[in-house]
């Protein structure tokens, strides 16, 4: 059974995060049928939105500030997948790996002064390595146990 639905209603569902395939299934259409309707109505599909992301701003956040893709997605109010496509579209190279702890360095640099995050470690001694990494890159942090395997990490300077 095919349900009649307006293109505007379909577009609303799409903006709310439903995929073309999910919208098609909901209304008894194929993914291609939904896509064709959007093209006729001039509705911009998600995969082209990455072209609108400012290259210079993206490059600064990713290469210079070394923000994580998830964090950049928050800045642009979009998804990490769209940020990855924007990086590829703008030919922004993968940033070089750091020998100073990799993900730990990205985590520490993503913290703003005064910002606190709770993290979980299975081994309580690992926080010592986080302090060492922070010192090597010139960041001061405070770590406090929160009970169990939870720790509170705050960037001080």
Protein backbone atom coordinates (compact mmCIF):
# COMPACT_ATOMS: atom_id res chain seq x y z
CA UNK A 1 0.00 0.00 0.00
CA UNK A 2 1.39 3.38 -1.02
CA UNK A 3 0.71 6.27 1.32
CA UNK A 4 0.30 9.71 -0.22
CA UNK A 5 2.62 12.21 1.37
CA UNK A 6 3.79 15.68 0.52
CA UNK A 7 7.39 16.31 -0.43
CA UNK A 8 7.56 18.92 2.37
CA UNK A 9 6.65 16.26 4.91
CA UNK A 10 9.35 13.98 3.52
CA UNK A 11 11.88 16.82 3.62
CA UNK A 12 11.03 17.45 7.29
CA UNK A 13 11.76 13.81 8.12
CA UNK A 14 15.00 14.03 6.16
CA UNK A 15 16.10 17.12 8.10
CA UNK A 16 15.24 15.28 11.33
CA UNK A 17 17.86 12.68 10.37
CA UNK A 18 15.98 9.95 8.50
CA UNK A 19 17.82 8.51 5.51
CA UNK A 20 16.33 8.47 2.01
CA UNK A 21 15.93 4.72 2.35
CA UNK A 22 14.08 5.00 5.69
CA UNK A 23 11.74 7.65 4.27
CA UNK A 24 11.09 5.49 1.24
CA UNK A 25 10.25 2.46 3.39
CA UNK A 26 7.91 4.55 5.52
CA UNK A 27 5.91 5.68 2.48
CA UNK A 28 6.25 2.63 0.22
CA UNK A 29 8.82 4.18 -2.13
CA UNK A 30 12.33 3.34 -3.16
CA UNK A 31 15.34 5.35 -2.06
CA UNK A 32 15.74 6.48 -5.68
CA UNK A 33 12.08 7.58 -5.79
CA UNK A 34 12.57 9.79 -2.73
CA UNK A 35 15.81 11.16 -4.20
CA UNK A 36 14.07 11.99 -7.50
CA UNK A 37 11.30 13.82 -5.64
CA UNK A 38 13.87 15.89 -3.76
CA UNK A 39 15.69 16.79 -6.97
CA UNK A 40 12.45 17.92 -8.64
CA UNK A 41 11.52 19.99 -5.59
CA UNK A 42 15.04 21.50 -5.37
CA UNK A 43 15.62 20.10 -1.89
CA UNK A 44 19.31 19.93 -1.04
CA UNK A 45 20.44 16.50 0.01
CA UNK A 46 22.82 15.97 2.93
CA UNK A 47 25.68 14.71 0.84
CA UNK A 48 26.05 18.10 -0.85
CA UNK A 49 26.05 20.11 2.37
CA UNK A 50 29.75 19.45 2.91
CA UNK A 51 30.49 21.76 -0.01
CA UNK A 52 29.11 24.68 2.01
CA UNK A 53 31.54 24.21 4.90
CA UNK A 54 34.16 26.96 4.87
CA UNK A 55 37.51 25.42 3.88
CA UNK A 56 39.70 27.88 5.81
CA UNK A 57 37.71 27.48 9.02
CA UNK A 58 37.69 23.69 8.69
CA UNK A 59 41.43 23.63 7.99
CA UNK A 60 42.16 25.81 11.03
CA UNK A 61 40.09 23.63 13.36
CA UNK A 62 41.42 20.33 12.01
CA UNK A 63 45.09 21.02 11.24
CA UNK A 64 46.05 23.93 13.48
CA UNK A 65 43.85 23.48 16.54
CA UNK A 66 43.86 19.67 16.08
CA UNK A 67 40.21 19.35 17.09
CA UNK A 68 38.62 15.93 16.80
CA UNK A 69 36.16 15.34 13.98
CA UNK A 70 33.36 14.94 16.53
CA UNK A 71 34.23 18.30 18.06
CA UNK A 72 34.37 19.98 14.62
CA UNK A 73 30.96 18.48 13.83
CA UNK A 74 29.62 20.19 16.96
CA UNK A 75 31.12 23.52 15.83
CA UNK A 76 29.38 23.24 12.43
CA UNK A 77 26.20 21.67 13.92
CA UNK A 78 26.44 18.64 11.67
CA UNK A 79 27.54 15.01 11.73
CA UNK A 80 31.09 13.59 11.86
CA UNK A 81 30.48 11.81 8.56
CA UNK A 82 29.71 15.09 6.83
CA UNK A 83 32.91 16.61 8.26
CA UNK A 84 34.92 13.67 6.86
CA UNK A 85 33.36 14.25 3.43
CA UNK A 86 34.14 17.97 3.68
CA UNK A 87 37.78 17.22 4.51
CA UNK A 88 37.97 14.96 1.46
CA UNK A 89 36.12 17.42 -0.79
CA UNK A 90 38.42 20.31 0.19
CA UNK A 91 41.53 18.09 -0.18
CA UNK A 92 42.59 18.76 3.39
CA UNK A 93 45.25 16.16 4.18
CA UNK A 94 45.10 13.85 7.16
CA UNK A 95 46.98 15.53 9.93
CA UNK A 96 50.28 13.93 10.83
CA UNK A 97 50.32 11.63 13.82
CA UNK A 98 51.94 12.97 16.94
CA UNK A 99 54.44 10.95 18.89
CA UNK A 100 53.11 12.47 22.09
CA UNK A 101 50.24 10.11 22.76
CA UNK A 102 47.97 10.55 19.71
CA UNK A 103 44.40 10.42 21.00
CA UNK A 104 45.49 11.71 24.42
CA UNK A 105 46.99 14.82 22.83
CA UNK A 106 43.81 15.46 20.82
CA UNK A 107 41.72 14.96 23.95
CA UNK A 108 43.83 17.37 26.00
CA UNK A 109 43.97 20.04 23.30
CA UNK A 110 40.21 19.85 22.84
CA UNK A 111 39.67 20.86 26.47
CA UNK A 112 39.18 24.57 27.05
CA UNK A 113 40.66 26.19 30.15
CA UNK A 114 38.29 25.49 33.05
CA UNK A 115 36.45 22.76 31.14
CA UNK A 116 36.00 19.45 32.94
CA UNK A 117 35.24 16.00 31.55
CA UNK A 118 34.67 12.71 33.27
CA UNK A 119 36.53 9.77 31.77
CA UNK A 120 36.68 6.10 32.66
CA UNK A 121 39.84 4.00 32.94
CA UNK A 122 40.13 0.39 33.90
CA UNK A 123 43.68 0.90 35.21
CA UNK A 124 44.02 3.68 37.79
CA UNK A 125 47.73 4.22 37.01
CA UNK A 126 47.05 5.43 33.44
CA UNK A 127 46.21 8.94 34.64
CA UNK A 128 49.93 9.44 35.37
CA UNK A 129 50.63 9.10 31.64
CA UNK A 130 47.97 11.72 30.90
CA UNK A 131 49.76 14.17 33.22
CA UNK A 132 53.08 13.47 31.46
CA UNK A 133 51.52 14.01 28.03
CA UNK A 134 49.90 17.26 29.17
CA UNK A 135 53.23 18.56 30.49
CA UNK A 136 55.03 17.73 27.22
CA UNK A 137 52.57 19.76 25.15
CA UNK A 138 52.43 22.65 27.62
CA UNK A 139 48.98 22.04 29.08
CA UNK A 140 48.27 21.92 32.81
CA UNK A 141 45.53 19.60 34.02
CA UNK A 142 43.99 18.47 37.26
CA UNK A 143 42.81 14.88 37.69
CA UNK A 144 40.54 13.75 40.52
CA UNK A 145 39.14 10.32 41.24
CA UNK A 146 35.35 10.15 41.18
CA UNK A 147 35.02 6.64 42.54
CA UNK A 148 35.45 3.35 40.76
CA UNK A 149 37.14 3.80 37.41
CA UNK A 150 35.84 7.36 36.83
CA UNK A 151 38.15 10.35 36.82
CA UNK A 152 37.49 14.06 36.45
CA UNK A 153 39.96 15.81 34.11
CA UNK A 154 40.03 19.62 34.16
CA UNK A 155 42.28 21.84 32.06
CA UNK A 156 43.87 24.44 34.34
CA UNK A 157 46.13 26.29 31.88
